[in-house]
């Protein structure tokens, strides 16, 4: 699955507009919520988005 960081909108996007919304304040990243289209639920998409976000934060030192 391809995940894109839409920094302007502060969200990571995956397949079919699955998303994880985040906020960065200072040196902290807050993961606000995920959304996955109902037809794609149960396929690990939200978990993949969360893992991507955590790795992004680690790489950026936040």
N, C-alpha and C. Protein backbone atom coordinates (compact mmCIF):
# COMPACT_ATOMS: atom_id res chain seq x y z
N UNK A 1 0.84 -1.18 0.00
CA UNK A 1 0.00 0.00 0.00
C UNK A 1 0.89 1.24 0.00
N UNK A 2 0.56 2.17 -0.84
CA UNK A 2 1.28 3.44 -0.88
C UNK A 2 0.65 4.41 0.12
N UNK A 3 1.48 5.05 0.93
CA UNK A 3 1.01 6.04 1.89
C UNK A 3 1.71 7.35 1.57
N UNK A 4 0.93 8.42 1.52
CA UNK A 4 1.43 9.74 1.17
C UNK A 4 1.22 10.67 2.36
N UNK A 5 2.22 11.48 2.65
CA UNK A 5 2.10 12.49 3.70
C UNK A 5 1.59 13.78 3.07
N UNK A 6 0.40 14.16 3.38
CA UNK A 6 -0.18 15.42 2.92
C UNK A 6 0.05 16.45 4.01
N UNK A 7 1.30 16.96 4.07
CA UNK A 7 1.69 17.85 5.16
C UNK A 7 0.79 19.07 5.29
N UNK A 8 0.40 19.65 4.19
CA UNK A 8 -0.44 20.85 4.25
C UNK A 8 -1.75 20.58 5.00
N UNK A 9 -2.29 19.38 4.79
CA UNK A 9 -3.54 18.99 5.45
C UNK A 9 -3.31 18.22 6.75
N UNK A 10 -2.07 17.99 7.08
CA UNK A 10 -1.67 17.24 8.26
C UNK A 10 -2.38 15.89 8.36
N UNK A 11 -2.15 15.09 7.32
CA UNK A 11 -2.69 13.74 7.34
C UNK A 11 -1.88 12.84 6.42
N UNK A 12 -1.88 11.58 6.76
CA UNK A 12 -1.29 10.54 5.93
C UNK A 12 -2.46 9.88 5.21
N UNK A 13 -2.31 9.68 3.90
CA UNK A 13 -3.38 9.07 3.11
C UNK A 13 -2.91 7.76 2.52
N UNK A 14 -3.83 6.81 2.54
CA UNK A 14 -3.57 5.50 1.93
C UNK A 14 -4.63 5.20 0.89
N UNK A 15 -4.83 3.93 0.64
CA UNK A 15 -5.78 3.48 -0.38
C UNK A 15 -7.19 4.04 -0.19
N UNK A 16 -7.78 4.47 -1.28
CA UNK A 16 -9.18 4.90 -1.30
C UNK A 16 -9.49 5.94 -0.23
N UNK A 17 -8.61 6.87 -0.04
CA UNK A 17 -8.76 7.98 0.90
C UNK A 17 -8.80 7.56 2.36
N UNK A 18 -8.27 6.38 2.66
CA UNK A 18 -8.06 6.05 4.07
C UNK A 18 -7.11 7.09 4.61
N UNK A 19 -7.29 7.50 5.86
CA UNK A 19 -6.45 8.58 6.37
C UNK A 19 -6.17 8.45 7.85
N UNK A 20 -5.07 9.06 8.25
CA UNK A 20 -4.72 9.25 9.65
C UNK A 20 -4.39 10.72 9.79
N UNK A 21 -5.19 11.42 10.57
CA UNK A 21 -5.01 12.86 10.77
C UNK A 21 -4.07 13.07 11.95
N UNK A 22 -3.13 13.99 11.80
CA UNK A 22 -2.18 14.28 12.86
C UNK A 22 -2.01 15.78 13.03
N UNK A 23 -1.43 16.14 14.15
CA UNK A 23 -1.05 17.52 14.42
C UNK A 23 0.36 17.50 15.00
N UNK A 24 1.18 18.43 14.57
CA UNK A 24 2.51 18.58 15.15
C UNK A 24 2.54 19.90 15.89
N UNK A 25 2.89 19.82 17.16
CA UNK A 25 3.00 21.00 18.02
C UNK A 25 4.36 20.94 18.70
N UNK A 26 5.24 21.83 18.30
CA UNK A 26 6.59 21.82 18.86
C UNK A 26 7.31 20.55 18.48
N UNK A 27 7.76 19.80 19.47
CA UNK A 27 8.50 18.56 19.21
C UNK A 27 7.63 17.32 19.44
N UNK A 28 6.30 17.49 19.37
CA UNK A 28 5.39 16.37 19.59
C UNK A 28 4.44 16.20 18.40
N UNK A 29 4.14 14.96 18.09
CA UNK A 29 3.16 14.64 17.05
C UNK A 29 1.97 13.96 17.73
N UNK A 30 0.80 14.46 17.46
CA UNK A 30 -0.44 13.91 18.01
C UNK A 30 -1.20 13.22 16.90
N UNK A 31 -1.51 11.95 17.09
CA UNK A 31 -2.31 11.19 16.13
C UNK A 31 -3.77 11.35 16.53
N UNK A 32 -4.53 12.02 15.69
CA UNK A 32 -5.89 12.41 16.05
C UNK A 32 -6.92 11.30 15.80
N UNK A 33 -6.95 10.79 14.57
CA UNK A 33 -7.89 9.71 14.26
C UNK A 33 -7.56 9.08 12.92
N UNK A 34 -8.07 7.88 12.74
CA UNK A 34 -7.95 7.21 11.44
C UNK A 34 -9.35 7.02 10.87
N UNK A 35 -9.40 6.87 9.56
CA UNK A 35 -10.66 6.53 8.90
C UNK A 35 -10.32 5.64 7.72
N UNK A 36 -11.07 4.55 7.60
CA UNK A 36 -10.91 3.60 6.50
C UNK A 36 -12.30 3.37 5.92
N UNK A 37 -12.44 3.40 4.58
CA UNK A 37 -13.75 3.13 3.99
C UNK A 37 -14.29 1.77 4.47
N UNK A 38 -15.58 1.70 4.74
CA UNK A 38 -16.15 0.46 5.28
C UNK A 38 -15.82 -0.79 4.46
N UNK A 39 -15.75 -0.65 3.16
CA UNK A 39 -15.49 -1.83 2.32
C UNK A 39 -14.05 -2.33 2.45
N UNK A 40 -13.18 -1.55 3.07
CA UNK A 40 -11.78 -1.94 3.25
C UNK A 40 -11.41 -2.25 4.70
N UNK A 41 -12.38 -2.19 5.59
CA UNK A 41 -12.11 -2.46 7.00
C UNK A 41 -11.62 -3.89 7.19
N UNK A 42 -10.80 -4.09 8.22
CA UNK A 42 -10.32 -5.42 8.55
C UNK A 42 -9.14 -5.90 7.72
N UNK A 43 -8.54 -5.00 6.95
CA UNK A 43 -7.42 -5.39 6.09
C UNK A 43 -6.08 -4.83 6.57
N UNK A 44 -6.07 -4.25 7.76
CA UNK A 44 -4.83 -3.74 8.33
C UNK A 44 -4.41 -2.37 7.82
N UNK A 45 -5.31 -1.66 7.16
CA UNK A 45 -4.96 -0.36 6.60
C UNK A 45 -4.71 0.67 7.70
N UNK A 46 -5.57 0.74 8.71
CA UNK A 46 -5.36 1.69 9.81
C UNK A 46 -4.06 1.38 10.54
N UNK A 47 -3.75 0.12 10.72
CA UNK A 47 -2.49 -0.26 11.37
C UNK A 47 -1.29 0.18 10.54
N UNK A 48 -1.38 0.03 9.22
CA UNK A 48 -0.30 0.46 8.33
C UNK A 48 -0.11 1.97 8.40
N UNK A 49 -1.20 2.71 8.46
CA UNK A 49 -1.11 4.16 8.59
C UNK A 49 -0.45 4.55 9.91
N UNK A 50 -0.84 3.89 10.99
CA UNK A 50 -0.27 4.19 12.31
C UNK A 50 1.22 3.86 12.33
N UNK A 51 1.61 2.73 11.77
CA UNK A 51 3.02 2.36 11.73
C UNK A 51 3.82 3.38 10.91
N UNK A 52 3.28 3.80 9.79
CA UNK A 52 3.92 4.81 8.95
C UNK A 52 4.11 6.10 9.74
N UNK A 53 3.07 6.53 10.45
CA UNK A 53 3.13 7.77 11.23
C UNK A 53 4.18 7.67 12.33
N UNK A 54 4.24 6.56 13.02
CA UNK A 54 5.23 6.39 14.09
C UNK A 54 6.65 6.40 13.53
N UNK A 55 6.86 5.75 12.40
CA UNK A 55 8.18 5.77 11.77
C UNK A 55 8.54 7.17 11.29
N UNK A 56 7.57 7.89 10.77
CA UNK A 56 7.80 9.28 10.34
C UNK A 56 8.25 10.13 11.53
N UNK A 57 7.53 10.01 12.65
CA UNK A 57 7.86 10.77 13.85
C UNK A 57 9.27 10.41 14.34
N UNK A 58 9.58 9.14 14.34
CA UNK A 58 10.90 8.70 14.78
C UNK A 58 11.99 9.27 13.87
N UNK A 59 11.78 9.21 12.57
CA UNK A 59 12.76 9.74 11.60
C UNK A 59 12.97 11.24 11.75
N UNK A 60 11.91 11.95 12.14
CA UNK A 60 11.98 13.41 12.29
C UNK A 60 12.39 13.84 13.71
N UNK A 61 12.51 12.88 14.60
CA UNK A 61 12.91 13.18 15.98
C UNK A 61 11.84 13.87 16.79
N UNK A 62 10.59 13.54 16.48
CA UNK A 62 9.46 14.11 17.23
C UNK A 62 8.67 13.03 17.91
